[in-house]
Amino acid sequence: MKTIQKIALVLTIIGALNWGLMGFFEFNLVASLFGADTVITRIVYSLVGICGIINVGLLFEDID
């Protein structure tokens, strides 16, 4: 499960960087790479959302 969480964390970070670009520069990296309102863009957004849900488990994991 650790590998899945690491992959999920990387995708979540990518999503966070995209949101940062949106907030600071009004630039949507995902839409510019894959096109707006395409199937691939929706898949990327869906994967980032699922990864965010997976990473909720990190909140309750022991850091030790």
N, C-alpha and C. Protein backbone atom coordinates (compact mmCIF):
# COMPACT_ATOMS: atom_id res chain seq x y z
N MET A 1 0.82 -1.20 0.00
CA MET A 1 0.00 0.00 0.00
C MET A 1 0.86 1.26 0.00
N LYS A 2 2.07 1.16 0.49
CA LYS A 2 2.94 2.34 0.52
C LYS A 2 3.21 2.88 -0.88
N THR A 3 3.40 2.00 -1.85
CA THR A 3 3.67 2.43 -3.22
C THR A 3 2.48 3.18 -3.79
N ILE A 4 1.29 2.67 -3.55
CA ILE A 4 0.08 3.34 -4.04
C ILE A 4 -0.05 4.72 -3.41
N GLN A 5 0.26 4.82 -2.11
CA GLN A 5 0.17 6.11 -1.44
C GLN A 5 1.20 7.10 -1.98
N LYS A 6 2.38 6.62 -2.32
CA LYS A 6 3.39 7.52 -2.89
C LYS A 6 2.99 8.01 -4.26
N ILE A 7 2.45 7.12 -5.08
CA ILE A 7 1.95 7.53 -6.40
C ILE A 7 0.81 8.53 -6.23
N ALA A 8 -0.08 8.24 -5.30
CA ALA A 8 -1.20 9.14 -5.03
C ALA A 8 -0.71 10.50 -4.55
N LEU A 9 0.34 10.49 -3.73
CA LEU A 9 0.88 11.75 -3.23
C LEU A 9 1.48 12.57 -4.36
N VAL A 10 2.18 11.94 -5.28
CA VAL A 10 2.75 12.65 -6.43
C VAL A 10 1.65 13.27 -7.28
N LEU A 11 0.59 12.51 -7.56
CA LEU A 11 -0.51 13.06 -8.35
C LEU A 11 -1.25 14.18 -7.61
N THR A 12 -1.34 14.06 -6.29
CA THR A 12 -1.96 15.12 -5.51
C THR A 12 -1.12 16.39 -5.55
N ILE A 13 0.19 16.24 -5.50
CA ILE A 13 1.07 17.40 -5.60
C ILE A 13 0.95 18.06 -6.97
N ILE A 14 0.86 17.25 -8.01
CA ILE A 14 0.65 17.80 -9.36
C ILE A 14 -0.65 18.59 -9.41
N GLY A 15 -1.70 18.04 -8.80
CA GLY A 15 -2.98 18.75 -8.76
C GLY A 15 -2.88 20.05 -7.98
N ALA A 16 -2.13 20.02 -6.88
CA ALA A 16 -1.97 21.24 -6.08
C ALA A 16 -1.19 22.30 -6.85
N LEU A 17 -0.17 21.87 -7.59
CA LEU A 17 0.58 22.83 -8.41
C LEU A 17 -0.31 23.43 -9.50
N ASN A 18 -1.18 22.62 -10.07
CA ASN A 18 -2.11 23.14 -11.07
C ASN A 18 -3.05 24.18 -10.46
N TRP A 19 -3.54 23.90 -9.24
CA TRP A 19 -4.39 24.88 -8.56
C TRP A 19 -3.62 26.16 -8.23
N GLY A 20 -2.36 26.01 -7.86
CA GLY A 20 -1.53 27.19 -7.61
C GLY A 20 -1.36 28.04 -8.86
N LEU A 21 -1.12 27.38 -9.99
CA LEU A 21 -1.01 28.11 -11.25
C LEU A 21 -2.32 28.80 -11.59
N MET A 22 -3.43 28.13 -11.30
CA MET A 22 -4.74 28.74 -11.56
C MET A 22 -4.94 29.98 -10.68
N GLY A 23 -4.58 29.85 -9.42
CA GLY A 23 -4.79 30.96 -8.49
C GLY A 23 -3.90 32.16 -8.75
N PHE A 24 -2.63 31.89 -9.03
CA PHE A 24 -1.68 32.99 -9.20
C PHE A 24 -1.67 33.58 -10.60
N PHE A 25 -1.80 32.73 -11.60
CA PHE A 25 -1.59 33.19 -12.98
C PHE A 25 -2.77 32.94 -13.91
N GLU A 26 -3.88 32.38 -13.39
CA GLU A 26 -5.03 32.02 -14.20
C GLU A 26 -4.61 31.15 -15.39
N PHE A 27 -3.71 30.21 -15.12
CA PHE A 27 -3.20 29.30 -16.14
C PHE A 27 -3.50 27.87 -15.72
N ASN A 28 -4.27 27.15 -16.54
CA ASN A 28 -4.62 25.77 -16.26
C ASN A 28 -3.69 24.86 -17.06
N LEU A 29 -2.72 24.28 -16.36
CA LEU A 29 -1.72 23.45 -17.02
C LEU A 29 -2.32 22.20 -17.63
N VAL A 30 -3.22 21.56 -16.93
CA VAL A 30 -3.83 20.32 -17.44
C VAL A 30 -4.62 20.60 -18.71
N ALA A 31 -5.42 21.64 -18.69
CA ALA A 31 -6.22 21.97 -19.87
C ALA A 31 -5.33 22.41 -21.04
N SER A 32 -4.23 23.07 -20.74
CA SER A 32 -3.35 23.49 -21.84
C SER A 32 -2.59 22.31 -22.43
N LEU A 33 -2.29 21.30 -21.61
CA LEU A 33 -1.59 20.12 -22.13
C LEU A 33 -2.51 19.18 -22.90
N PHE A 34 -3.71 18.96 -22.39
CA PHE A 34 -4.60 17.95 -22.96
C PHE A 34 -5.84 18.53 -23.63
N GLY A 35 -6.03 19.82 -23.55
CA GLY A 35 -7.21 20.45 -24.14
C GLY A 35 -8.32 20.59 -23.11
N ALA A 36 -9.10 21.62 -23.27
CA ALA A 36 -10.21 21.86 -22.34
C ALA A 36 -11.37 20.93 -22.70
N ASP A 37 -12.02 20.40 -21.70
CA ASP A 37 -13.21 19.56 -21.86
C ASP A 37 -12.96 18.32 -22.73
N THR A 38 -11.80 17.70 -22.56
CA THR A 38 -11.54 16.45 -23.26
C THR A 38 -11.64 15.30 -22.25
N VAL A 39 -11.73 14.10 -22.77
CA VAL A 39 -11.84 12.93 -21.92
C VAL A 39 -10.58 12.77 -21.07
N ILE A 40 -9.44 12.99 -21.68
CA ILE A 40 -8.17 12.83 -20.95
C ILE A 40 -8.06 13.82 -19.80
N THR A 41 -8.53 15.04 -20.01
CA THR A 41 -8.51 16.05 -18.95
C THR A 41 -9.40 15.61 -17.80
N ARG A 42 -10.56 15.09 -18.11
CA ARG A 42 -11.46 14.61 -17.05
C ARG A 42 -10.86 13.43 -16.31
N ILE A 43 -10.14 12.57 -17.02
CA ILE A 43 -9.48 11.44 -16.37
C ILE A 43 -8.40 11.93 -15.41
N VAL A 44 -7.61 12.91 -15.85
CA VAL A 44 -6.55 13.46 -14.98
C VAL A 44 -7.18 14.07 -13.73
N TYR A 45 -8.23 14.88 -13.90
CA TYR A 45 -8.88 15.49 -12.74
C TYR A 45 -9.47 14.43 -11.82
N SER A 46 -10.04 13.39 -12.40
CA SER A 46 -10.62 12.31 -11.59
C SER A 46 -9.54 11.57 -10.81
N LEU A 47 -8.42 11.28 -11.47
CA LEU A 47 -7.32 10.60 -10.78
C LEU A 47 -6.76 11.44 -9.64
N VAL A 48 -6.63 12.73 -9.85
CA VAL A 48 -6.13 13.62 -8.79
C VAL A 48 -7.12 13.62 -7.62
N GLY A 49 -8.40 13.64 -7.90
CA GLY A 49 -9.42 13.60 -6.84
C GLY A 49 -9.37 12.29 -6.06
N ILE A 50 -9.25 11.18 -6.77
CA ILE A 50 -9.15 9.88 -6.10
C ILE A 50 -7.88 9.82 -5.25
N CYS A 51 -6.80 10.35 -5.78
CA CYS A 51 -5.54 10.36 -5.02
C CYS A 51 -5.65 11.21 -3.77
N GLY A 52 -6.38 12.29 -3.84
CA GLY A 52 -6.61 13.10 -2.64
C GLY A 52 -7.35 12.31 -1.58
N ILE A 53 -8.32 11.51 -1.99
CA ILE A 53 -9.06 10.67 -1.04
C ILE A 53 -8.14 9.61 -0.44
N ILE A 54 -7.28 9.02 -1.27
CA ILE A 54 -6.34 8.02 -0.76
C ILE A 54 -5.40 8.64 0.26
N ASN A 55 -4.98 9.87 0.01
CA ASN A 55 -4.03 10.52 0.90
C ASN A 55 -4.63 10.98 2.22
N VAL A 56 -5.93 10.94 2.34
CA VAL A 56 -6.56 11.24 3.63
C VAL A 56 -6.04 10.27 4.69
N GLY A 57 -5.74 9.05 4.27
CA GLY A 57 -5.18 8.06 5.19
C GLY A 57 -3.86 8.49 5.80
N LEU A 58 -3.10 9.33 5.11
CA LEU A 58 -1.83 9.82 5.65
C LEU A 58 -2.04 10.68 6.89
N LEU A 59 -3.20 11.29 7.02
CA LEU A 59 -3.48 12.10 8.19
C LEU A 59 -3.53 11.27 9.47
N PHE A 60 -3.93 10.03 9.34
CA PHE A 60 -4.13 9.18 10.50
C PHE A 60 -3.00 8.16 10.70
N GLU A 61 -1.95 8.26 9.87
CA GLU A 61 -0.83 7.33 9.96
C GLU A 61 0.20 7.86 10.94
N ASP A 62 0.84 6.97 11.69
CA ASP A 62 1.89 7.35 12.61
C ASP A 62 3.10 7.83 11.84
N ILE A 63 3.69 8.93 12.26
CA ILE A 63 4.85 9.48 11.59
C ILE A 63 6.13 8.77 12.03
N ASP A 64 6.10 8.10 13.17
CA ASP A 64 7.31 7.43 13.70
C ASP A 64 7.96 6.60 12.71
